[in-house]
Each structure stands twice: as C-alpha cells, then as structure tokens.
C-alpha cells in the first residue's frame, strides 16, 4: 500500500514537472518569436544600401553606368521640390510620381504598429523605429534623401485612410528628427492610404499596415 501511494505521488509529480517544462518552453518560444519580429539596424542598412549599377563598355570612354543622365537629373530636380514639403501638400500626381521612382530604389517595409485610430507609435514597435533611426544615422546612409511612405489596410473609407497614413508617416519623421537628429529635409513623407496594398488578395492583412522607407540615392544633393 505504501509502495503504491509512493508510486502514485511520484507519477503525479513527474507529470506536473513535465507540464511546467512544456509551459516554460512555450513561453520562451513566444518570446523568441516576438523578438525576431523586430527588424535590426543591420537588416535596414543592407536593404537600403545603394545597388551597384551595371556597367557597359563605351567605345572611346571607360566603363559607364547604364543610366540616362537626363533622367537622373530630372529625378534629382523632382526630389529637390519635395524636400521641406508638408505631407498633405503633395498632389495625387506627385504621390504617383514618387511611387514610380521608388520602384527601382533600395527599400524596406517596416511593420510598425500605432495606437488604435492614432498616429502614436506603439511601445512594441519602438525597437524597429529606433533601429531605423540608427541605420539612417550610419555614415553609409547619412545624408541621402529618404521617402517615408505610410500605408493602411483596406478597412475604412479612402479619405480616412489617406489622412491616417499621412499622419503616421509624419509621426515616424518627427521621431527620427527629435530622437536621432536626422535632418528633416532629408525625409520626404507621403501617405498612400489603402491605394497600394502589399497583399491585395488579403486587403485586411497586417502586412498592408506598414511604413515603407526608400533610399532615393542622391547624397550629392542631400542636406543642402
């Protein structure tokens, strides 16, 4: 009888210990997964690093980049007109021109959460925004002009989402300027509302609620 009770107690204790270990393991796994969601400074640096231009051999000159100088100059002039512009001042045609230009530029999508119906950055997204600030302060990127584009999912009306995306882009810019001393003229903010979903097949998906940062690759004209 004594042996049976002892065995029963021992088995119960072992089961409790196993369940405890499983619970702890699950908690640790969740913690690791959550930490993995935070983008790092290195990841941002790699994503925004200027791409190497393909070279072609000229007949009388050395290696040349396959880029139309006139197009590059026109693009640079356009970008200059955007610096110091309030987000809300951008016209639809200007927003679309920005969207066309950034297609071939180094970029990264950051899943930055904001408080509900607000442009306030949520506490859990601060590590990603801080990593962005450190990356843009890095000597490899510092001085370039960057587009900070706000996007929403498809919930709600167009006017509401357009306003919200603009306010959220402004919020990121303000944080980078205030906390990292990044020149406001080097940050062009634009809002697209729900017009450019990252996952159109799932219009309410989390990935659509994002901030895209694009390196316009024009260090020569930045900070002037």
Protein backbone atom coordinates (compact mmCIF):
# COMPACT_ATOMS: atom_id res chain seq x y z
CA UNK A 1 0.00 0.00 0.00
CA UNK A 2 2.79 2.32 0.91
CA UNK A 3 4.65 1.49 -2.29
CA UNK A 4 1.54 2.11 -4.39
CA UNK A 5 0.93 5.55 -2.83
CA UNK A 6 4.53 6.49 -3.25
CA UNK A 7 4.41 5.46 -6.91
CA UNK A 8 1.22 7.42 -7.43
CA UNK A 9 2.64 10.55 -5.87
CA UNK A 10 5.86 10.19 -7.81
CA UNK A 11 3.98 9.81 -11.10
CA UNK A 12 1.86 12.87 -10.35
CA UNK A 13 4.93 14.93 -9.52
CA UNK A 14 6.65 13.87 -12.73
CA UNK A 15 3.56 14.80 -14.77
CA UNK A 16 3.39 18.21 -13.07
CA UNK A 17 7.08 18.80 -13.77
CA UNK A 18 6.67 17.85 -17.44
CA UNK A 19 3.71 20.21 -17.83
CA UNK A 20 5.67 23.00 -16.18
CA UNK A 21 8.60 22.48 -18.52
CA UNK A 22 6.30 22.50 -21.54
CA UNK A 23 4.68 25.74 -20.36
CA UNK A 24 8.06 27.39 -19.82
CA UNK A 25 9.26 26.18 -23.20
CA UNK A 26 6.18 27.58 -24.93
CA UNK A 27 6.64 30.93 -23.21
CA UNK A 28 10.27 31.06 -24.25
CA UNK A 29 9.34 30.21 -27.83
CA UNK A 30 6.79 33.02 -27.93
CA UNK A 31 9.37 35.43 -26.55
CA UNK A 32 11.92 34.46 -29.19
CA UNK A 33 9.37 34.76 -31.99
CA UNK A 34 8.34 38.20 -30.80
CA UNK A 35 11.94 39.38 -30.62
CA UNK A 36 12.57 38.01 -34.10
CA UNK A 37 9.83 40.31 -35.46
CA UNK A 38 11.89 43.38 -34.60
CA UNK A 39 13.93 44.48 -37.59
CA UNK A 40 17.60 45.15 -36.86
CA UNK A 41 19.85 48.05 -37.81
CA UNK A 42 21.96 45.73 -39.99
CA UNK A 43 18.90 44.47 -41.86
CA UNK A 44 17.84 48.04 -42.61
CA UNK A 45 21.35 49.02 -43.69
CA UNK A 46 21.53 46.07 -46.09
CA UNK A 47 18.09 46.78 -47.53
CA UNK A 48 18.74 50.50 -48.08
CA UNK A 49 22.31 50.20 -49.36
CA UNK A 50 22.58 51.70 -52.86
CA UNK A 51 22.56 49.00 -55.51
CA UNK A 52 25.65 48.63 -57.66
CA UNK A 53 25.00 50.00 -61.13
CA UNK A 54 25.57 47.63 -64.06
CA UNK A 55 28.47 48.71 -66.25
CA UNK A 56 28.82 48.80 -70.01
CA UNK A 57 31.96 49.43 -72.03
CA UNK A 58 31.98 52.57 -74.20
CA UNK A 59 33.85 52.81 -77.49
CA UNK A 60 36.02 55.77 -76.56
CA UNK A 61 35.48 56.02 -72.84
CA UNK A 62 35.89 53.72 -69.88
CA UNK A 63 33.12 51.83 -68.07
CA UNK A 64 29.82 53.72 -67.95
CA UNK A 65 26.69 53.12 -65.94
CA UNK A 66 23.58 52.15 -67.90
CA UNK A 67 21.66 55.21 -66.74
CA UNK A 68 20.24 58.08 -68.73
CA UNK A 69 21.94 61.22 -67.33
CA UNK A 70 18.98 63.38 -68.34
CA UNK A 71 16.56 61.11 -66.49
CA UNK A 72 18.77 61.11 -63.41
CA UNK A 73 18.97 64.91 -63.48
CA UNK A 74 15.19 65.25 -63.86
CA UNK A 75 14.62 62.85 -61.00
CA UNK A 76 17.03 64.80 -58.81
CA UNK A 77 15.23 68.06 -59.57
CA UNK A 78 11.89 66.49 -58.71
CA UNK A 79 13.20 65.13 -55.40
CA UNK A 80 14.51 68.59 -54.54
CA UNK A 81 10.98 70.01 -54.95
CA UNK A 82 9.75 67.55 -52.32
CA UNK A 83 12.21 68.50 -49.59
CA UNK A 84 10.66 70.64 -46.82
CA UNK A 85 7.18 69.94 -48.22
CA UNK A 86 4.38 69.16 -45.74
CA UNK A 87 2.97 65.68 -46.35
CA UNK A 88 -0.52 66.99 -47.03
CA UNK A 89 0.75 69.40 -49.69
CA UNK A 90 1.67 66.62 -52.11
CA UNK A 91 -0.74 66.30 -55.02
CA UNK A 92 -2.03 62.97 -56.31
CA UNK A 93 0.22 63.25 -59.37
CA UNK A 94 3.26 63.92 -57.17
CA UNK A 95 2.45 60.93 -54.98
CA UNK A 96 2.15 58.74 -58.07
CA UNK A 97 5.43 60.04 -59.46
CA UNK A 98 7.14 59.18 -56.17
CA UNK A 99 5.64 55.69 -56.36
CA UNK A 100 7.03 55.25 -59.86
CA UNK A 101 10.53 56.44 -58.94
CA UNK A 102 10.87 54.28 -55.82
CA UNK A 103 10.10 51.03 -57.66
CA UNK A 104 13.76 50.60 -58.57
CA UNK A 105 15.24 52.10 -55.40
CA UNK A 106 16.57 50.30 -52.30
CA UNK A 107 13.66 49.99 -49.89
CA UNK A 108 12.35 48.19 -46.83
CA UNK A 109 8.82 47.66 -45.48
CA UNK A 110 8.55 48.03 -41.71
CA UNK A 111 5.53 46.66 -39.88
CA UNK A 112 5.15 49.49 -37.41
CA UNK A 113 2.09 49.40 -35.19
CA UNK A 114 0.33 52.51 -33.97
CA UNK A 115 -2.18 53.00 -31.21
CA UNK A 116 -5.76 52.40 -32.33
CA UNK A 117 -7.11 55.17 -34.57
CA UNK A 118 -3.97 57.17 -33.80
CA UNK A 119 -0.61 58.22 -35.22
CA UNK A 120 1.13 57.45 -31.91
CA UNK A 121 3.79 54.75 -32.34
CA UNK A 122 3.01 51.73 -30.15
CA UNK A 123 5.52 50.75 -27.48
CA UNK A 124 6.15 47.35 -29.08
CA UNK A 125 7.16 48.98 -32.37
CA UNK A 126 9.67 51.42 -30.86
CA UNK A 127 12.62 48.97 -31.23
CA UNK A 128 12.06 48.86 -35.00
CA UNK A 129 11.79 52.65 -35.29
CA UNK A 130 14.90 53.05 -33.15
CA UNK A 131 16.76 50.59 -35.39
CA UNK A 132 15.67 52.71 -38.35
CA UNK A 133 17.00 55.83 -36.67
CA UNK A 134 20.38 54.23 -36.02
CA UNK A 135 20.57 52.96 -39.60
CA UNK A 136 19.77 56.34 -41.15
CA UNK A 137 22.40 57.90 -38.88
CA UNK A 138 25.02 55.47 -40.11
CA UNK A 139 27.74 57.02 -42.26
CA UNK A 140 26.82 54.66 -45.12
CA UNK A 141 23.36 56.21 -45.40
CA UNK A 142 23.56 59.56 -43.65
CA UNK A 143 22.92 62.48 -45.97
CA UNK A 144 20.74 60.73 -48.52
CA UNK A 145 17.13 61.71 -49.05
CA UNK A 146 14.66 59.08 -47.86
CA UNK A 147 10.99 58.66 -48.63
CA UNK A 148 8.90 57.60 -45.63
CA UNK A 149 5.60 56.31 -47.01
CA UNK A 150 2.62 55.42 -44.85
CA UNK A 151 0.20 52.69 -45.89
CA UNK A 152 -3.01 51.33 -44.33
CA UNK A 153 -5.14 48.27 -44.89
CA UNK A 154 -8.48 48.45 -46.71
CA UNK A 155 -10.68 48.92 -43.67
CA UNK A 156 -12.46 52.27 -43.65
CA UNK A 157 -13.02 54.95 -46.23
CA UNK A 158 -10.44 56.37 -48.64
CA UNK A 159 -10.32 59.86 -47.12
CA UNK A 160 -9.96 58.48 -43.59
CA UNK A 161 -7.13 56.11 -44.56
CA UNK A 162 -5.34 58.76 -46.60
CA UNK A 163 -5.34 61.12 -43.62
CA UNK A 164 -4.25 58.35 -41.24
CA UNK A 165 -1.38 57.24 -43.49
CA UNK A 166 -0.11 60.81 -43.78
CA UNK A 167 -0.25 61.40 -40.02
CA UNK A 168 1.60 58.16 -39.36
CA UNK A 169 4.34 58.97 -41.87
CA UNK A 170 4.67 62.36 -40.16
CA UNK A 171 4.90 60.64 -36.79
CA UNK A 172 7.84 58.49 -37.92
CA UNK A 173 9.61 61.54 -39.35
CA UNK A 174 9.09 63.53 -36.16
CA UNK A 175 10.50 60.70 -34.06
CA UNK A 176 13.59 60.35 -36.27
CA UNK A 177 14.24 64.10 -36.21
CA UNK A 178 13.66 64.51 -32.47
CA UNK A 179 15.38 61.37 -31.20
CA UNK A 180 18.19 60.88 -33.75
CA UNK A 181 18.84 64.38 -35.07
CA UNK A 182 18.19 63.37 -38.67
CA UNK A 183 17.68 66.42 -40.88
CA UNK A 184 14.02 66.93 -41.63
CA UNK A 185 14.90 67.99 -45.17
CA UNK A 186 16.32 64.51 -45.78
CA UNK A 187 12.97 62.85 -45.01
CA UNK A 188 10.17 63.13 -47.56
CA UNK A 189 6.88 61.91 -46.10
CA UNK A 190 4.00 60.69 -48.22
CA UNK A 191 0.76 58.86 -47.48
CA UNK A 192 -0.95 56.35 -49.76
CA UNK A 193 -3.84 55.28 -47.58
CA UNK A 194 -5.22 51.98 -48.85
CA UNK A 195 -4.39 52.59 -52.52
CA UNK A 196 -1.24 50.46 -52.66
CA UNK A 197 -1.88 47.29 -50.70
CA UNK A 198 1.09 44.99 -50.28
CA UNK A 199 -1.25 41.99 -50.31
CA UNK A 200 -4.27 42.91 -52.49
CA UNK A 201 -5.66 39.39 -52.19
CA UNK A 202 -6.00 39.95 -48.43
CA UNK A 203 -6.90 43.65 -48.09
CA UNK A 204 -7.27 43.50 -44.30
CA UNK A 205 -3.99 41.63 -43.69
CA UNK A 206 -1.48 43.06 -41.21
CA UNK A 207 1.23 43.35 -43.90
CA UNK A 208 -0.77 46.11 -45.57
CA UNK A 209 -0.42 48.32 -42.49
CA UNK A 210 3.18 49.34 -42.96
CA UNK A 211 5.69 52.12 -43.36
CA UNK A 212 7.97 51.86 -46.39
CA UNK A 213 11.36 53.59 -46.30
CA UNK A 214 13.13 54.22 -49.60
CA UNK A 215 16.67 55.46 -50.25
CA UNK A 216 16.47 57.98 -53.09
CA UNK A 217 20.25 57.59 -53.60
CA UNK A 218 21.02 61.27 -54.04
CA UNK A 219 23.66 62.02 -51.42
CA UNK A 220 25.21 64.64 -53.67
CA UNK A 221 22.18 66.90 -53.29
CA UNK A 222 21.12 65.98 -49.78
CA UNK A 223 21.34 68.29 -46.74
CA UNK A 224 21.58 71.45 -48.83
